[in-house]
């Protein structure tokens, strides 16, 4: 599968998740032993990459030895939580099956963070070989935000899935029902408690909104950011709240304005560690003064309207969202539109899969 340009990064579907394999211990074993199988290591939040010929790629390793993986069927007399403890590290993390890239099985493993060696600075990768520590082809450990836009779509998705699953395993070693140990199953996509109850990774939905008015878009600067950094308004969906209600509430809380037309655009997984971003476009409600902005002082330091020209060629003191984010994807698409159109254009769900 190739990446889908109609979708933001991490949402193109280039990674084949191969759910059938994760549900079978036999198929998982065959996948692990496949000569083309490879392993992605994650150290804290960092990933290993190599730069060669101007291209940045993940530094995969072959699968060797025995996987740290839970068995599916309970041995006689052993509980689901007891049977696989020898296969887990101290944090309860197991190897996880991510799926397939171009037919090759891909797995992920969390490795300890080096005590005094945080890895090569991400700027070394940016410089592509500047200095003795940056020879082309050398493996470097970097934050995925630094290089994610230069990886292939399938590799980006693999990093996202691995980050989400491995972080979840670290915090899900014990059942929230009774406090007993849990064990990984389904290739790392679920955990079982002692009573056979299944536990699955949690995803937190958040809305993000491109607000437009007379060929301008509203951007905000978070109170925790450095001056000059702006993005779309966003926030988490609350309990018992629809997505549209969340859009209205978050925008009013952060800017003091009410919205009229609201249209869903697309979504993006943001598994660092477990968010799902739901993108919307909206217009101000009739009669709302676009200059009557009231930033939430606890969250927003500044609100500004920007034209397409201002975003197409940003001033030196303006920092836009990173290319990997849905915020940047939505801004770039808006900038590329004809000013005369000005229409709220949701993605056609029937053709965007």
Protein backbone atom coordinates (compact mmCIF):
# COMPACT_ATOMS: atom_id res chain seq x y z
CA UNK A 1 0.00 0.00 0.00
CA UNK A 2 1.29 3.51 -0.80
CA UNK A 3 0.71 6.63 1.23
CA UNK A 4 -2.49 8.53 0.56
CA UNK A 5 -1.85 12.26 -0.12
CA UNK A 6 -5.48 12.98 0.76
CA UNK A 7 -4.67 12.06 4.35
CA UNK A 8 -2.29 13.63 6.88
CA UNK A 9 0.91 11.85 7.96
CA UNK A 10 0.40 8.69 10.06
CA UNK A 11 -3.06 8.21 8.52
CA UNK A 12 -2.33 6.92 5.03
CA UNK A 13 -2.75 3.21 5.75
CA UNK A 14 0.68 2.23 4.38
CA UNK A 15 1.30 -0.20 7.25
CA UNK A 16 -0.54 -3.50 6.83
CA UNK A 17 -1.65 -4.29 10.38
CA UNK A 18 -2.33 -7.97 9.50
CA UNK A 19 -4.81 -8.66 12.31
CA UNK A 20 -5.08 -12.33 11.33
CA UNK A 21 -1.45 -12.99 12.24
CA UNK A 22 -1.66 -11.31 15.64
CA UNK A 23 -4.58 -13.59 16.60
CA UNK A 24 -2.65 -16.83 15.98
CA UNK A 25 0.35 -17.96 18.00
CA UNK A 26 1.38 -20.23 15.14
CA UNK A 27 1.28 -17.41 12.59
CA UNK A 28 3.12 -15.09 14.97
CA UNK A 29 5.89 -17.67 15.30
CA UNK A 30 6.12 -18.01 11.53
CA UNK A 31 6.25 -14.24 11.16
CA UNK A 32 9.05 -13.97 13.73
CA UNK A 33 11.11 -16.61 11.92
CA UNK A 34 10.49 -15.13 8.47
CA UNK A 35 13.90 -14.23 6.94
CA UNK A 36 12.52 -10.82 5.99
CA UNK A 37 11.21 -10.05 9.51
CA UNK A 38 12.68 -6.99 11.21
CA UNK A 39 12.63 -5.32 14.60
CA UNK A 40 12.18 -1.65 15.54
CA UNK A 41 13.76 -0.73 18.87
CA UNK A 42 12.40 2.22 20.86
CA UNK A 43 14.47 3.75 23.65
CA UNK A 44 12.31 5.99 25.79
CA UNK A 45 10.78 8.23 23.13
CA UNK A 46 13.74 7.92 20.76
CA UNK A 47 14.03 5.86 17.59
CA UNK A 48 17.16 4.70 15.70
CA UNK A 49 17.72 6.07 12.19
CA UNK A 50 20.40 6.06 9.51
CA UNK A 51 21.05 8.74 6.93
CA UNK A 52 22.47 7.66 3.58
CA UNK A 53 22.35 9.25 0.16
CA UNK A 54 20.22 12.09 1.50
CA UNK A 55 17.52 9.70 2.75
CA UNK A 56 16.59 9.11 6.40
CA UNK A 57 15.37 5.62 7.24
CA UNK A 58 14.69 3.60 10.36
CA UNK A 59 17.60 1.46 11.54
CA UNK A 60 15.83 -1.89 11.63
CA UNK A 61 17.38 -5.05 13.07
CA UNK A 62 16.59 -8.66 12.14
CA UNK A 63 14.52 -10.73 14.55
CA UNK A 64 16.80 -13.16 16.37
CA UNK A 65 16.51 -15.55 19.29
CA UNK A 66 13.16 -16.01 20.99
CA UNK A 67 10.56 -13.24 21.12
CA UNK A 68 9.47 -11.73 24.41
CA UNK A 69 5.86 -12.64 23.68
CA UNK A 70 2.96 -14.03 25.62
CA UNK A 71 1.41 -17.33 24.62
CA UNK A 72 -2.24 -17.39 23.66
CA UNK A 73 -3.46 -20.62 25.19
CA UNK A 74 -3.26 -21.11 28.96
CA UNK A 75 -1.15 -24.10 30.04
CA UNK A 76 -3.08 -26.40 32.36
CA UNK A 77 -3.19 -25.06 35.88
CA UNK A 78 -1.66 -21.66 35.07
CA UNK A 79 -3.48 -18.37 34.99
CA UNK A 80 -3.32 -16.07 32.01
CA UNK A 81 -1.27 -13.62 34.06
CA UNK A 82 1.20 -16.24 35.37
CA UNK A 83 1.99 -18.03 32.14
CA UNK A 84 4.08 -15.36 30.43
CA UNK A 85 5.88 -13.50 33.21
CA UNK A 86 9.20 -15.00 32.16
CA UNK A 87 8.77 -13.37 28.76
CA UNK A 88 8.29 -9.85 30.14
CA UNK A 89 10.81 -7.33 31.40
CA UNK A 90 10.50 -5.54 34.73
CA UNK A 91 7.93 -3.10 33.35
CA UNK A 92 5.73 -5.80 31.86
CA UNK A 93 6.69 -4.93 28.27
CA UNK A 94 6.48 -7.57 25.59
CA UNK A 95 7.62 -7.56 21.97
CA UNK A 96 4.75 -6.39 19.79
CA UNK A 97 3.78 -7.38 16.27
CA UNK A 98 3.15 -4.20 14.27
CA UNK A 99 2.08 -5.80 10.99
CA UNK A 100 3.83 -5.88 7.62
CA UNK A 101 5.66 -3.45 5.39
CA UNK A 102 5.86 -4.61 1.77
CA UNK A 103 5.04 -8.10 2.99
CA UNK A 104 7.83 -8.25 5.59
CA UNK A 105 6.71 -8.85 9.22
CA UNK A 106 7.70 -5.99 11.52
CA UNK A 107 7.98 -6.07 15.31
CA UNK A 108 8.88 -3.54 18.00
CA UNK A 109 10.72 -3.76 21.29
CA UNK A 110 11.33 -1.27 24.10
CA UNK A 111 14.95 -1.14 25.24
CA UNK A 112 16.37 0.57 28.35
CA UNK A 113 17.46 4.18 28.18
CA UNK A 114 21.22 4.45 28.48
CA UNK A 115 22.21 5.96 31.82
CA UNK A 116 24.59 8.69 30.63
CA UNK A 117 24.23 8.33 26.88
CA UNK A 118 21.05 10.00 25.56
CA UNK A 119 22.12 9.35 21.98
CA UNK A 120 23.30 11.57 19.22
CA UNK A 121 21.58 14.94 19.15
CA UNK A 122 18.81 15.17 16.56
CA UNK A 123 20.63 18.08 14.94
CA UNK A 124 23.32 15.64 13.83
CA UNK A 125 20.75 13.95 11.60
CA UNK A 126 19.61 17.33 10.32
CA UNK A 127 23.19 18.08 9.26
CA UNK A 128 23.53 14.70 7.52
CA UNK A 129 27.06 13.80 8.46
CA UNK A 130 28.58 17.00 9.81
CA UNK A 131 31.49 16.01 12.04
CA UNK A 132 32.99 12.77 13.25
CA UNK A 133 29.81 11.53 14.93
CA UNK A 134 27.65 11.96 11.85
CA UNK A 135 29.17 9.73 9.23
CA UNK A 136 26.55 8.68 6.67
CA UNK A 137 25.12 5.27 7.55
CA UNK A 138 25.83 5.55 11.27
CA UNK A 139 22.94 4.69 13.56
CA UNK A 140 21.62 7.62 15.57
CA UNK A 141 18.93 7.86 18.23
CA UNK A 142 16.57 10.81 17.76
CA UNK A 143 13.12 12.02 18.71
CA UNK A 144 10.63 10.96 16.00
CA UNK A 145 9.35 14.55 15.68
CA UNK A 146 12.78 15.56 14.37
CA UNK A 147 12.85 13.12 11.45
CA UNK A 148 9.31 11.80 11.03
CA UNK A 149 8.54 13.95 8.01
CA UNK A 150 11.50 12.38 6.15
CA UNK A 151 10.66 8.74 6.84
CA UNK A 152 8.46 6.75 4.49
CA UNK A 153 4.76 6.73 5.32
CA UNK A 154 4.93 3.06 6.31
CA UNK A 155 7.88 3.72 8.63
CA UNK A 156 6.10 6.70 10.21
CA UNK A 157 3.06 4.56 10.90
CA UNK A 158 5.23 1.79 12.33
CA UNK A 159 6.83 4.27 14.74
CA UNK A 160 3.41 5.57 15.77
CA UNK A 161 1.92 2.12 16.40
CA UNK A 162 5.03 0.95 18.24
CA UNK A 163 5.11 4.04 20.45
CA UNK A 164 1.45 3.67 21.38
CA UNK A 165 1.58 -0.06 22.13
CA UNK A 166 4.87 -0.11 24.03
CA UNK A 167 3.94 2.86 26.23
CA UNK A 168 0.59 1.22 26.97
CA UNK A 169 2.23 -2.04 28.05
CA UNK A 170 4.43 -0.13 30.49
CA UNK A 171 1.37 1.22 32.29
CA UNK A 172 -0.96 -1.78 31.92
CA UNK A 173 0.92 -4.48 33.83
CA UNK A 174 -1.83 -4.60 36.46
CA UNK A 175 -5.56 -4.91 36.04
CA UNK A 176 -7.59 -1.81 36.94
CA UNK A 177 -10.34 -4.19 38.09
CA UNK A 178 -8.51 -6.02 40.86
CA UNK A 179 -4.84 -5.03 40.78
CA UNK A 180 -3.65 -8.47 39.67
CA UNK A 181 -0.95 -8.89 37.04
CA UNK A 182 -1.95 -8.97 33.39
CA UNK A 183 -0.22 -10.70 30.48
CA UNK A 184 0.21 -9.64 26.88
CA UNK A 185 -1.64 -11.50 24.14
CA UNK A 186 -2.68 -11.03 20.49
CA UNK A 187 0.86 -10.13 19.47
CA UNK A 188 0.90 -7.28 21.99
CA UNK A 189 -2.42 -5.72 21.01
CA UNK A 190 -4.26 -6.79 24.17
CA UNK A 191 -3.65 -8.02 27.73
CA UNK A 192 -5.43 -10.68 29.78
CA UNK A 193 -6.11 -10.57 33.49
CA UNK A 194 -6.28 -13.60 35.79
CA UNK A 195 -10.02 -14.00 35.15
CA UNK A 196 -9.60 -13.99 31.38
CA UNK A 197 -10.81 -10.41 31.00
CA UNK A 198 -9.35 -8.57 28.01
CA UNK A 199 -7.79 -5.12 28.23
CA UNK A 200 -7.06 -2.98 25.17
CA UNK A 201 -5.03 0.19 24.53
CA UNK A 202 -6.81 3.44 25.33
CA UNK A 203 -7.21 6.22 22.76
CA UNK A 204 -8.05 9.79 23.79
CA UNK A 205 -10.04 11.76 21.14
CA UNK A 206 -9.17 15.42 20.61
CA UNK A 207 -10.63 17.96 18.19
CA UNK A 208 -8.52 20.42 16.20
CA UNK A 209 -10.17 23.26 14.29
CA UNK A 210 -9.27 25.43 11.32
CA UNK A 211 -11.41 28.57 11.80
CA UNK A 212 -11.71 30.79 8.73
CA UNK A 213 -13.24 34.20 8.16
CA UNK A 214 -12.96 36.32 5.01
CA UNK A 215 -9.90 34.48 3.67
CA UNK A 216 -8.09 34.54 6.99
CA UNK A 217 -7.49 31.73 9.47
CA UNK A 218 -7.35 31.99 13.25
CA UNK A 219 -4.24 30.63 14.97
CA UNK A 220 -3.27 30.65 18.62
CA UNK A 221 -0.03 30.53 20.56
CA UNK A 222 -0.04 28.24 23.59
CA UNK A 223 0.98 29.86 26.84
CA UNK A 224 3.76 27.25 27.25
CA UNK A 225 5.29 27.83 23.81
CA UNK A 226 8.07 30.17 22.81
CA UNK A 227 6.92 33.53 21.34
CA UNK A 228 5.95 33.42 17.67
CA UNK A 229 4.84 29.79 17.53
CA UNK A 230 1.24 29.42 16.35
CA UNK A 231 -1.12 26.54 15.55
CA UNK A 232 -4.79 25.65 15.24
CA UNK A 233 -7.01 25.61 18.31
CA UNK A 234 -7.49 22.13 19.78
CA UNK A 235 -8.60 20.25 22.87
CA UNK A 236 -9.71 16.91 24.25
CA UNK A 237 -13.28 15.64 24.00
CA UNK A 238 -14.99 15.52 27.39
CA UNK A 239 -17.15 12.73 28.80
CA UNK A 240 -20.64 12.61 27.28
CA UNK A 241 -19.74 15.18 24.61
CA UNK A 242 -20.14 14.96 20.83
CA UNK A 243 -17.30 16.03 18.57
CA UNK A 244 -19.21 19.09 17.37
CA UNK A 245 -19.95 20.09 20.96
CA UNK A 246 -16.26 19.74 21.77
CA UNK A 247 -15.37 22.00 18.83
CA UNK A 248 -17.80 24.70 19.98
CA UNK A 249 -16.72 24.48 23.62
CA UNK A 250 -12.96 24.41 23.04
CA UNK A 251 -13.02 27.33 20.58
CA UNK A 252 -15.19 29.45 22.89
CA UNK A 253 -13.04 28.63 25.93
CA UNK A 254 -9.80 29.44 24.13
CA UNK A 255 -10.87 32.41 21.99
CA UNK A 256 -14.23 33.71 23.25
CA UNK A 257 -15.95 33.41 19.84
CA UNK A 258 -18.89 31.27 18.74
CA UNK A 259 -18.89 29.15 15.59
CA UNK A 260 -21.52 28.67 12.91
CA UNK A 261 -20.81 26.12 10.17
CA UNK A 262 -18.70 23.18 11.33
CA UNK A 263 -17.54 20.39 9.00
CA UNK A 264 -15.45 17.30 9.70
CA UNK A 265 -12.32 17.06 7.53
CA UNK A 266 -10.23 14.03 8.51
CA UNK A 267 -8.46 12.35 11.42
CA UNK A 268 -4.90 11.56 12.41
CA UNK A 269 -3.61 9.16 15.04
CA UNK A 270 -1.18 10.94 17.35
CA UNK A 271 0.11 7.98 19.36
CA UNK A 272 2.61 9.87 21.51
CA UNK A 273 1.27 8.23 23.51
CA UNK A 274 -2.44 7.74 22.71
CA UNK A 275 -4.37 10.63 21.12
CA UNK A 276 -6.62 10.63 18.06
CA UNK A 277 -6.83 14.04 16.42
CA UNK A 278 -10.16 14.80 14.70
CA UNK A 279 -9.84 17.69 12.26
CA UNK A 280 -12.64 20.18 11.57
CA UNK A 281 -13.12 23.36 9.57
CA UNK A 282 -15.46 26.03 10.84
CA UNK A 283 -16.71 29.57 10.33
CA UNK A 284 -17.70 32.20 12.82
CA UNK A 285 -21.36 32.38 13.75
CA UNK A 286 -23.40 35.14 12.09
CA UNK A 287 -22.82 38.54 13.63
CA UNK A 288 -19.69 37.55 15.58
CA UNK A 289 -16.99 40.23 15.55
CA UNK A 290 -13.75 38.54 14.38
CA UNK A 291 -11.68 41.03 16.34
CA UNK A 292 -13.51 40.41 19.62
CA UNK A 293 -11.06 37.70 20.64
CA UNK A 294 -10.67 36.79 24.31
CA UNK A 295 -7.72 34.38 24.80
CA UNK A 296 -7.94 32.00 27.73
CA UNK A 297 -5.05 33.33 29.87
CA UNK A 298 -4.25 29.90 31.30
CA UNK A 299 -3.79 28.31 27.85
CA UNK A 300 -3.42 30.93 25.11
CA UNK A 301 -0.88 33.76 25.10
CA UNK A 302 -1.95 35.27 21.77
CA UNK A 303 -4.59 34.89 19.04
CA UNK A 304 -4.09 36.22 15.51
CA UNK A 305 -5.79 36.11 12.12
CA UNK A 306 -3.46 35.19 9.25
CA UNK A 307 -3.87 35.54 5.49
CA UNK A 308 -2.73 32.90 3.04
CA UNK A 309 0.21 35.04 1.97
CA UNK A 310 1.36 35.39 5.57
CA UNK A 311 1.36 31.61 5.97
CA UNK A 312 2.67 30.83 2.50
CA UNK A 313 5.83 32.82 3.22
CA UNK A 314 6.05 33.04 7.03
CA UNK A 315 7.99 35.87 8.60
CA UNK A 316 11.20 34.95 10.41
CA UNK A 317 9.53 35.37 13.79
CA UNK A 318 6.60 33.05 12.91
CA UNK A 319 6.87 29.31 13.63
CA UNK A 320 4.19 27.04 12.20
CA UNK A 321 3.37 23.47 13.34
CA UNK A 322 5.75 20.65 12.44
CA UNK A 323 5.19 18.95 9.04
CA UNK A 324 4.27 15.66 10.75
CA UNK A 325 1.19 17.16 12.43
CA UNK A 326 -2.40 17.34 11.24
CA UNK A 327 -2.34 21.04 12.13
CA UNK A 328 0.33 21.72 9.49
CA UNK A 329 -1.42 19.46 6.98
CA UNK A 330 -4.69 21.38 7.39
CA UNK A 331 -2.96 24.77 7.22
CA UNK A 332 -1.02 23.81 4.09
CA UNK A 333 -4.17 22.58 2.35
CA UNK A 334 -5.98 25.80 3.25
CA UNK A 335 -3.11 27.93 1.94
CA UNK A 336 -3.11 26.01 -1.34
CA UNK A 337 -6.79 26.67 -2.01
CA UNK A 338 -8.01 29.41 -4.33
CA UNK A 339 -8.91 32.44 -2.23
CA UNK A 340 -12.15 32.78 -4.18
CA UNK A 341 -13.41 29.36 -3.12
CA UNK A 342 -13.54 29.79 0.65
CA UNK A 343 -15.64 26.66 1.08
CA UNK A 344 -15.66 24.22 3.95
CA UNK A 345 -14.65 21.01 2.23
CA UNK A 346 -14.83 17.79 4.24
CA UNK A 347 -13.04 14.72 2.92
CA UNK A 348 -15.29 12.30 1.05
CA UNK A 349 -15.22 9.28 3.36
CA UNK A 350 -16.27 6.98 0.54
CA UNK A 351 -13.11 7.69 -1.46
CA UNK A 352 -10.53 8.51 1.19
CA UNK A 353 -9.95 5.09 2.70
